[in-house]
C-alpha atoms as a PDB file:
ATOM      1  CA  MET A   1      -4.765   1.634  20.384  1.00  0.00           C
ATOM      2  CA  GLU A   2      -2.135   0.049  18.161  1.00  0.00           C
ATOM      3  CA  PRO A   3      -2.078  -3.519  16.825  1.00  0.00           C
ATOM      4  CA  PRO A   4      -0.526  -6.216  19.038  1.00  0.00           C
ATOM      5  CA  SER A   5       3.177  -6.807  18.626  1.00  0.00           C
ATOM      6  CA  GLY A   6       5.591  -9.698  18.817  1.00  0.00           C
ATOM      7  CA  THR A   7       4.469 -13.238  18.171  1.00  0.00           C
ATOM      8  CA  ALA A   8       0.769 -12.317  18.171  1.00  0.00           C
ATOM      9  CA  LEU A   9       1.214  -9.849  15.324  1.00  0.00           C
ATOM     10  CA  THR A  10       3.377 -12.287  13.375  1.00  0.00           C
ATOM     11  CA  VAL A  11       0.690 -14.973  13.601  1.00  0.00           C
ATOM     12  CA  ILE A  12      -1.988 -12.506  12.473  1.00  0.00           C
ATOM     13  CA  MET A  13       0.051 -11.347   9.478  1.00  0.00           C
ATOM     14  CA  VAL A  14       0.870 -14.923   8.486  1.00  0.00           C
ATOM     15  CA  CYS A  15      -2.841 -15.800   8.562  1.00  0.00           C
ATOM     16  CA  LEU A  16      -3.635 -12.777   6.411  1.00  0.00           C
ATOM     17  CA  THR A  17      -0.921 -13.812   3.948  1.00  0.00           C
ATOM     18  CA  VAL A  18      -2.452 -17.269   3.641  1.00  0.00           C
ATOM     19  CA  ALA A  19      -5.839 -15.630   3.085  1.00  0.00           C
ATOM     20  CA  THR A  20      -4.365 -13.557   0.248  1.00  0.00           C
ATOM     21  CA  GLY A  21      -3.060 -16.684  -1.472  1.00  0.00           C
ATOM     22  CA  VAL A  22      -6.483 -18.299  -1.240  1.00  0.00           C
ATOM     23  CA  LEU A  23      -8.228 -15.233  -2.679  1.00  0.00           C
ATOM     24  CA  ASP A  24      -5.838 -14.858  -5.595  1.00  0.00           C
ATOM     25  CA  ALA A  25      -6.301 -18.565  -6.351  1.00  0.00           C
ATOM     26  CA  VAL A  26     -10.049 -17.957  -6.570  1.00  0.00           C
ATOM     27  CA  SER A  27      -9.757 -14.844  -8.707  1.00  0.00           C
ATOM     28  CA  PHE A  28      -7.146 -16.212 -11.110  1.00  0.00           C
ATOM     29  CA  LEU A  29      -8.553 -19.706 -11.517  1.00  0.00           C
ATOM     30  CA  THR A  30     -12.281 -18.927 -11.605  1.00  0.00           C
ATOM     31  CA  LEU A  31     -12.804 -15.263 -12.494  1.00  0.00           C
ATOM     32  CA  GLY A  32     -10.870 -15.060 -15.737  1.00  0.00           C
ATOM     33  CA  HIS A  33      -7.101 -14.981 -15.149  1.00  0.00           C
ATOM     34  CA  VAL A  34      -7.028 -11.828 -13.063  1.00  0.00           C
ATOM     35  CA  PHE A  35      -5.536 -11.168  -9.646  1.00  0.00           C
ATOM     36  CA  THR A  36      -7.235  -9.158  -6.928  1.00  0.00           C
ATOM     37  CA  ALA A  37      -4.211  -8.735  -4.629  1.00  0.00           C
ATOM     38  CA  ASN A  38      -1.152  -9.134  -6.863  1.00  0.00           C
ATOM     39  CA  GLN A  39      -1.430  -5.938  -8.851  1.00  0.00           C
ATOM     40  CA  THR A  40       2.073  -6.290 -10.318  1.00  0.00           C
ATOM     41  CA  GLY A  41       0.765  -9.264 -12.264  1.00  0.00           C
ATOM     42  CA  ASN A  42      -2.321  -7.311 -13.260  1.00  0.00           C
ATOM     43  CA  LEU A  43      -0.273  -4.476 -14.715  1.00  0.00           C
ATOM     44  CA  LEU A  44       1.425  -7.000 -16.972  1.00  0.00           C
ATOM     45  CA  PHE A  45      -1.890  -8.680 -17.805  1.00  0.00           C
ATOM     46  CA  LEU A  46      -3.326  -5.295 -18.754  1.00  0.00           C
ATOM     47  CA  GLY A  47      -0.456  -4.706 -21.142  1.00  0.00           C
ATOM     48  CA  PHE A  48      -0.832  -8.186 -22.617  1.00  0.00           C
ATOM     49  CA  GLY A  49      -4.570  -7.691 -23.002  1.00  0.00           C
ATOM     50  CA  ILE A  50      -4.249  -4.320 -24.707  1.00  0.00           C
ATOM     51  CA  ALA A  51      -1.763  -5.920 -27.095  1.00  0.00           C
ATOM     52  CA  GLY A  52      -4.357  -8.582 -27.847  1.00  0.00           C
ATOM     53  CA  GLN A  53      -2.215 -11.463 -26.615  1.00  0.00           C
ATOM     54  CA  GLY A  54      -3.080 -14.319 -24.269  1.00  0.00           C
ATOM     55  CA  GLY A  55      -6.837 -13.896 -24.404  1.00  0.00           C
ATOM     56  CA  LEU A  56      -6.782 -11.770 -21.249  1.00  0.00           C
ATOM     57  CA  SER A  57      -9.683  -9.492 -20.381  1.00  0.00           C
ATOM     58  CA  VAL A  58      -8.723  -5.831 -20.414  1.00  0.00           C
ATOM     59  CA  VAL A  59     -11.941  -4.867 -18.620  1.00  0.00           C
ATOM     60  CA  ALA A  60     -11.566  -7.377 -15.781  1.00  0.00           C
ATOM     61  CA  THR A  61      -7.951  -6.397 -15.207  1.00  0.00           C
ATOM     62  CA  ALA A  62      -8.747  -2.688 -15.319  1.00  0.00           C
ATOM     63  CA  VAL A  63     -11.606  -3.202 -12.863  1.00  0.00           C
ATOM     64  CA  SER A  64      -9.260  -4.969 -10.441  1.00  0.00           C
ATOM     65  CA  ILE A  65      -6.566  -2.294 -10.678  1.00  0.00           C
ATOM     66  CA  GLY A  66      -9.081   0.536 -10.330  1.00  0.00           C
ATOM     67  CA  ALA A  67     -10.890  -1.055  -7.393  1.00  0.00           C
ATOM     68  CA  PHE A  68      -7.583  -1.822  -5.694  1.00  0.00           C
ATOM     69  CA  ALA A  69      -6.530   1.826  -5.990  1.00  0.00           C
ATOM     70  CA  LEU A  70      -9.892   2.962  -4.629  1.00  0.00           C
ATOM     71  CA  GLY A  71      -9.524   0.524  -1.737  1.00  0.00           C
ATOM     72  CA  ALA A  72      -6.105   1.972  -0.926  1.00  0.00           C
ATOM     73  CA  VAL A  73      -7.541   5.497  -0.877  1.00  0.00           C
ATOM     74  CA  LEU A  74     -10.496   4.519   1.308  1.00  0.00           C
ATOM     75  CA  GLY A  75      -8.294   2.437   3.582  1.00  0.00           C
ATOM     76  CA  ALA A  76      -5.836   5.295   4.075  1.00  0.00           C
ATOM     77  CA  ARG A  77      -8.625   7.752   4.860  1.00  0.00           C
ATOM     78  CA  LEU A  78     -10.408   5.381   7.240  1.00  0.00           C
ATOM     79  CA  GLU A  79      -7.395   4.115   9.121  1.00  0.00           C
ATOM     80  CA  SER A  80      -5.618   7.456   9.466  1.00  0.00           C
ATOM     81  CA  THR A  81      -8.827   9.117  10.689  1.00  0.00           C
ATOM     82  CA  LEU A  82      -9.392   6.418  13.295  1.00  0.00           C
ATOM     83  CA  ALA A  83      -5.771   6.636  14.413  1.00  0.00           C
ATOM     84  CA  VAL A  84      -5.971  10.424  14.853  1.00  0.00           C
ATOM     85  CA  ARG A  85      -9.116   9.965  16.953  1.00  0.00           C
ATOM     86  CA  ARG A  86      -7.308   7.288  18.995  1.00  0.00           C
ATOM     87  CA  HIS A  87      -9.609   4.482  17.944  1.00  0.00           C
ATOM     88  CA  GLN A  88      -8.455   0.939  17.210  1.00  0.00           C
ATOM     89  CA  TRP A  89      -7.966   1.238  13.467  1.00  0.00           C
ATOM     90  CA  PHE A  90      -6.442  -2.221  12.960  1.00  0.00           C
ATOM     91  CA  PRO A  91      -9.477  -4.380  13.897  1.00  0.00           C
ATOM     92  CA  VAL A  92     -11.828  -1.940  12.145  1.00  0.00           C
ATOM     93  CA  ALA A  93      -9.781  -2.257   8.947  1.00  0.00           C
ATOM     94  CA  LEU A  94      -9.912  -6.048   9.144  1.00  0.00           C
ATOM     95  CA  ALA A  95     -13.649  -6.014   9.841  1.00  0.00           C
ATOM     96  CA  THR A  96     -14.212  -3.748   6.835  1.00  0.00           C
ATOM     97  CA  GLU A  97     -12.138  -6.078   4.653  1.00  0.00           C
ATOM     98  CA  ALA A  98     -14.161  -9.068   5.855  1.00  0.00           C
ATOM     99  CA  THR A  99     -17.407  -7.242   5.066  1.00  0.00           C
ATOM    100  CA  LEU A 100     -16.283  -6.445   1.524  1.00  0.00           C
ATOM    101  CA  LEU A 101     -15.300 -10.073   0.963  1.00  0.00           C
ATOM    102  CA  ALA A 102     -18.656 -11.266   2.296  1.00  0.00           C
ATOM    103  CA  VAL A 103     -20.423  -8.919  -0.121  1.00  0.00           C
ATOM    104  CA  ALA A 104     -18.237 -10.275  -2.943  1.00  0.00           C
ATOM    105  CA  ALA A 105     -19.310 -13.805  -2.036  1.00  0.00           C
ATOM    106  CA  ALA A 106     -22.946 -12.690  -1.989  1.00  0.00           C
ATOM    107  CA  ALA A 107     -22.560 -11.130  -5.432  1.00  0.00           C
ATOM    108  CA  ALA A 108     -21.654 -14.533  -6.855  1.00  0.00           C
ATOM    109  CA  TRP A 109     -24.029 -16.596  -4.714  1.00  0.00           C
ATOM    110  CA  GLU A 110     -26.115 -19.355  -6.334  1.00  0.00           C
ATOM    111  CA  SER A 111     -24.200 -18.950  -9.546  1.00  0.00           C
ATOM    112  CA  GLY A 112     -22.711 -22.421  -9.838  1.00  0.00           C
ATOM    113  CA  PRO A 113     -19.240 -22.222 -11.390  1.00  0.00           C
ATOM    114  CA  ALA A 114     -17.805 -18.716 -11.248  1.00  0.00           C
ATOM    115  CA  GLU A 115     -16.924 -18.952 -14.930  1.00  0.00           C
ATOM    116  CA  GLY A 116     -20.653 -18.890 -15.647  1.00  0.00           C
ATOM    117  CA  LEU A 117     -21.218 -15.507 -14.058  1.00  0.00           C
ATOM    118  CA  PRO A 118     -22.559 -12.770 -16.337  1.00  0.00           C
ATOM    119  CA  PRO A 119     -19.799 -10.235 -17.072  1.00  0.00           C
ATOM    120  CA  GLY A 120     -21.333  -7.537 -14.889  1.00  0.00           C
ATOM    121  CA  ARG A 121     -21.535  -9.748 -11.820  1.00  0.00           C
ATOM    122  CA  ARG A 122     -18.091 -11.179 -12.422  1.00  0.00           C
ATOM    123  CA  TRP A 123     -16.630  -7.685 -12.601  1.00  0.00           C
ATOM    124  CA  ALA A 124     -18.495  -6.789  -9.407  1.00  0.00           C
ATOM    125  CA  VAL A 125     -16.971  -9.759  -7.588  1.00  0.00           C
ATOM    126  CA  ILE A 126     -13.503  -8.882  -8.887  1.00  0.00           C
ATOM    127  CA  GLY A 127     -13.970  -5.238  -7.912  1.00  0.00           C
ATOM    128  CA  LEU A 128     -15.141  -6.002  -4.373  1.00  0.00           C
ATOM    129  CA  MET A 129     -12.297  -8.423  -3.761  1.00  0.00           C
ATOM    130  CA  ALA A 130      -9.739  -5.964  -5.147  1.00  0.00           C
ATOM    131  CA  LEU A 131     -11.279  -3.170  -3.058  1.00  0.00           C
ATOM    132  CA  ALA A 132     -10.735  -5.294   0.048  1.00  0.00           C
ATOM    133  CA  MET A 133      -7.166  -6.059  -0.972  1.00  0.00           C
ATOM    134  CA  GLY A 134      -6.415  -2.389  -1.589  1.00  0.00           C
ATOM    135  CA  MET A 135      -7.471  -1.674   1.983  1.00  0.00           C
ATOM    136  CA  ARG A 136      -5.406  -4.643   3.165  1.00  0.00           C
ATOM    137  CA  ASN A 137      -2.256  -3.200   1.610  1.00  0.00           C
ATOM    138  CA  VAL A 138      -2.742   0.027   3.523  1.00  0.00           C
ATOM    139  CA  THR A 139      -3.321  -1.959   6.711  1.00  0.00           C
ATOM    140  CA  ALA A 140      -0.158  -4.006   6.213  1.00  0.00           C
ATOM    141  CA  MET A 141       1.922  -0.926   5.402  1.00  0.00           C
ATOM    142  CA  ARG A 142       0.676   0.869   8.514  1.00  0.00           C
ATOM    143  CA  VAL A 143       1.488  -2.154  10.667  1.00  0.00           C
ATOM    144  CA  ALA A 144       4.952  -2.317   9.050  1.00  0.00           C
ATOM    145  CA  SER A 145       5.671  -5.841  10.245  1.00  0.00           C
ATOM    146  CA  PRO A 146       9.097  -6.708   8.764  1.00  0.00           C
ATOM    147  CA  ASP A 147       8.891  -9.026   5.749  1.00  0.00           C
ATOM    148  CA  LEU A 148       5.167  -9.653   6.257  1.00  0.00           C
ATOM    149  CA  THR A 149       3.440  -7.483   3.678  1.00  0.00           C
ATOM    150  CA  THR A 150       0.644 -10.124   3.305  1.00  0.00           C
ATOM    151  CA  THR A 151       0.145  -9.476  -0.437  1.00  0.00           C
ATOM    152  CA  VAL A 152       3.469  -9.374  -2.336  1.00  0.00           C
ATOM    153  CA  GLN A 153       6.514 -11.600  -2.030  1.00  0.00           C
ATOM    154  CA  THR A 154       9.054 -10.551  -4.687  1.00  0.00           C
ATOM    155  CA  ARG A 155      10.959  -8.258  -2.330  1.00  0.00           C
ATOM    156  CA  VAL A 156      10.815 -10.795   0.497  1.00  0.00           C
ATOM    157  CA  MET A 157      12.069 -13.594  -1.750  1.00  0.00           C
ATOM    158  CA  THR A 158      14.953 -11.398  -2.901  1.00  0.00           C
ATOM    159  CA  ALA A 159      15.879 -10.558   0.686  1.00  0.00           C
ATOM    160  CA  LEU A 160      15.573 -14.214   1.702  1.00  0.00           C
ATOM    161  CA  VAL A 161      18.047 -15.379  -0.919  1.00  0.00           C
ATOM    162  CA  SER A 162      20.369 -12.365  -0.730  1.00  0.00           C
ATOM    163  CA  GLY A 163      20.597 -12.507   3.061  1.00  0.00           C
ATOM    164  CA  SER A 164      21.156 -16.269   3.111  1.00  0.00           C
ATOM    165  CA  PRO A 165      24.537 -18.027   3.275  1.00  0.00           C
ATOM    166  CA  LEU A 166      24.349 -18.154  -0.525  1.00  0.00           C
ATOM    167  CA  GLY A 167      23.946 -14.384  -0.955  1.00  0.00           C
ATOM    168  CA  HIS A 168      26.014 -13.536   2.143  1.00  0.00           C
ATOM    169  CA  ASP A 169      24.818  -9.893   2.110  1.00  0.00           C
ATOM    170  CA  LYS A 170      24.946  -8.545   5.657  1.00  0.00           C
ATOM    171  CA  ARG A 171      23.050  -5.435   4.645  1.00  0.00           C
ATOM    172  CA  LEU A 172      20.133  -7.660   3.616  1.00  0.00           C
ATOM    173  CA  GLY A 173      20.082  -9.715   6.783  1.00  0.00           C
ATOM    174  CA  TYR A 174      22.890 -12.249   6.617  1.00  0.00           C
ATOM    175  CA  GLY A 175      23.853 -13.270  10.138  1.00  0.00           C
ATOM    176  CA  THR A 176      20.519 -12.190  11.648  1.00  0.00           C
ATOM    177  CA  HIS A 177      17.296 -14.036  12.419  1.00  0.00           C
ATOM    178  CA  ALA A 178      15.431 -12.429   9.502  1.00  0.00           C
ATOM    179  CA  ALA A 179      15.614 -15.540   7.336  1.00  0.00           C
ATOM    180  CA  GLY A 180      13.033 -17.361   9.421  1.00  0.00           C
ATOM    181  CA  ARG A 181      10.420 -14.626   9.077  1.00  0.00           C
ATOM    182  CA  ARG A 182      11.082 -14.314   5.368  1.00  0.00           C
ATOM    183  CA  LEU A 183      10.755 -18.032   4.837  1.00  0.00           C
ATOM    184  CA  ILE A 184       7.494 -18.080   6.796  1.00  0.00           C
ATOM    185  CA  SER A 185       6.173 -15.167   4.730  1.00  0.00           C
ATOM    186  CA  VAL A 186       6.972 -16.807   1.391  1.00  0.00           C
ATOM    187  CA  GLY A 187       5.715 -20.157   2.608  1.00  0.00           C
ATOM    188  CA  SER A 188       2.455 -18.627   3.800  1.00  0.00           C
ATOM    189  CA  MET A 189       1.673 -17.166   0.403  1.00  0.00           C
ATOM    190  CA  PHE A 190       2.526 -20.473  -1.287  1.00  0.00           C
ATOM    191  CA  SER A 191       0.383 -22.353   1.217  1.00  0.00           C
ATOM    192  CA  GLY A 192      -2.549 -20.016   0.618  1.00  0.00           C
ATOM    193  CA  GLY A 193      -2.369 -20.492  -3.134  1.00  0.00           C
ATOM    194  CA  LEU A 194      -2.053 -24.246  -2.706  1.00  0.00           C
ATOM    195  CA  LEU A 195      -4.963 -24.342  -0.262  1.00  0.00           C
ATOM    196  CA  GLY A 196      -7.203 -22.225  -2.478  1.00  0.00           C
ATOM    197  CA  ALA A 197      -6.425 -24.236  -5.590  1.00  0.00           C
ATOM    198  CA  GLY A 198      -6.859 -27.460  -3.663  1.00  0.00           C
ATOM    199  CA  MET A 199     -10.296 -26.483  -2.378  1.00  0.00           C
ATOM    200  CA  LEU A 200     -11.431 -25.460  -5.837  1.00  0.00           C
ATOM    201  CA  GLY A 201     -10.026 -28.650  -7.314  1.00  0.00           C
ATOM    202  CA  ALA A 202     -11.926 -30.659  -4.709  1.00  0.00           C
ATOM    203  CA  GLY A 203     -15.182 -29.106  -5.897  1.00  0.00           C
ATOM    204  CA  ALA A 204     -15.644 -26.234  -3.423  1.00  0.00           C
ATOM    205  CA  ARG A 205     -17.623 -23.360  -4.891  1.00  0.00           C
ATOM    206  CA  PRO A 206     -15.640 -20.134  -5.239  1.00  0.00           C
ATOM    207  CA  THR A 207     -18.332 -18.246  -3.335  1.00  0.00           C
ATOM    208  CA  LEU A 208     -17.910 -20.531  -0.341  1.00  0.00           C
ATOM    209  CA  VAL A 209     -14.126 -20.190  -0.454  1.00  0.00           C
ATOM    210  CA  ILE A 210     -14.406 -16.385  -0.459  1.00  0.00           C
ATOM    211  CA  LEU A 211     -16.920 -16.561   2.383  1.00  0.00           C
ATOM    212  CA  LEU A 212     -14.583 -18.790   4.377  1.00  0.00           C
ATOM    213  CA  VAL A 213     -11.769 -16.257   4.007  1.00  0.00           C
ATOM    214  CA  ALA A 214     -14.151 -13.455   5.033  1.00  0.00           C
ATOM    215  CA  ALA A 215     -15.081 -15.407   8.165  1.00  0.00           C
ATOM    216  CA  CYS A 216     -11.421 -15.970   9.047  1.00  0.00           C
ATOM    217  CA  VAL A 217     -10.569 -12.275   8.626  1.00  0.00           C
ATOM    218  CA  ALA A 218     -13.623 -11.298  10.703  1.00  0.00           C
ATOM    219  CA  ALA A 219     -12.578 -13.710  13.448  1.00  0.00           C
ATOM    220  CA  THR A 220      -9.117 -12.163  13.424  1.00  0.00           C
ATOM    221  CA  ALA A 221     -10.635  -8.686  13.739  1.00  0.00           C
ATOM    222  CA  CYS A 222     -12.571  -9.834  16.822  1.00  0.00           C
ATOM    223  CA  LEU A 223      -9.436 -11.339  18.349  1.00  0.00           C
ATOM    224  CA  VAL A 224      -7.165  -8.319  17.861  1.00  0.00           C
ATOM    225  CA  PRO A 225      -8.561  -6.101  20.687  1.00  0.00           C
ATOM    226  CA  ARG A 226      -8.056  -8.935  23.199  1.00  0.00           C
ATOM    227  CA  LEU A 227      -4.488  -9.471  22.074  1.00  0.00           C
ATOM    228  CA  SER A 228      -3.797  -5.727  22.179  1.00  0.00           C
ATOM    229  CA  HIS A 229      -5.280  -5.482  25.688  1.00  0.00           C
ATOM    230  CA  ARG A 230      -3.213  -8.446  26.897  1.00  0.00           C
ATOM    231  CA  HIS A 231      -0.061  -6.885  25.473  1.00  0.00           C
ATOM    232  CA  THR A 232      -0.834  -3.568  27.184  1.00  0.00           C
ATOM    233  CA  THR A 233      -1.540  -5.321  30.483  1.00  0.00           C
ATOM    234  CA  GLU A 234       1.713  -7.278  30.328  1.00  0.00           C
ATOM    235  CA  ASP A 235       3.653  -4.080  29.676  1.00  0.00           C
END
């Protein structure tokens, strides 16, 4: 009933990290300088906006933070309930995330550039994406895959440098094999942001980029039960 482990889980979490980078590229570059996954940045943006600096939208940022929090609540309720009932909560969580992202893409469909969305629809897209990312954070925390949180990298980057030959901190991983996972995690987020920005720069519509991520997450959700079953069979 649990997610797969080992290499299979690492690959899944890396893919989800790349997806996060793509989504935050879409939200930041086309929806008005707001993140839907990186809520640390949004907290700062909210402060900047309230202070009237940087031309940042207080409403858009508040919508993202609020929707993210709601997503975390709903994700915790859903996943813990499924786990108690011995259902496969991991693929269900991913399928729910994919559905929310698909609805977000539909909310902005046929709009042309995302910057041209009416405020209400733009806030709806931001809210749906942030709702999905709030659920994702719960999913990643429940999986507890070391150094693969899929949405934030500050802690991982700190551990990567501190546990390297430069930092030489054994308590933070020096002398272990943790550096590889940490480097993959950081690189995955960078690659996702680069990929998302590259697609937008090449003329891809934001709605199609969001829909592509939704399809990838949905495909992952369909693959998880097979991987879990194979792992159980091998054990």
